[in-house]
């Protein structure tokens, strides 16, 4: 009897929580403007390029929805491509990670994608690895906090070239 009562209470509580939660919540953090969101990731990208001495870098930025419905909130993201050496690209990826760690980045709580590395600093996360389509280059995704409440449904173009901002 007690088990049935407890189950009813748990299910009732779950029903209330599910029906009163709408989308991703920002919590106590203030929303970020487009400019603040982009600054967060572009500044991080610039710091990484300098600290790791990346060569032949190009990059683009985009706003990504933090929900599965393409609704706010959004996070700004930067995608970088950079030259890797012809031999021992895995060593170079590790050197990039070491340079980032030396500049205050920390191992992220989960493993990196594509057998690469995943590091975090000040609300920004970076994943990087050898480009599976072109092993001459490495690929890095740098993404910020989910605090941008602007509507980016119809961004055109979605990606913006930021290569000149990286040097």
Foldseek 3Di string as FASTA:
>chain_A
DVVVVVVVVVVVVVVVVVVVDDDDDPPPDAFDEPVRLVCVQLVVLLVLCVLLVFAPKWKKKFWAAPDPVLAAQTHIKMKMKTFADPPDSVVSLVSSVVSVVVVPWAFDPDAAPPNGGWTDDDQKIKGKDQDPVDNRIIMMMIIGHRRHNDRPPPDVPRIGIPRVSND
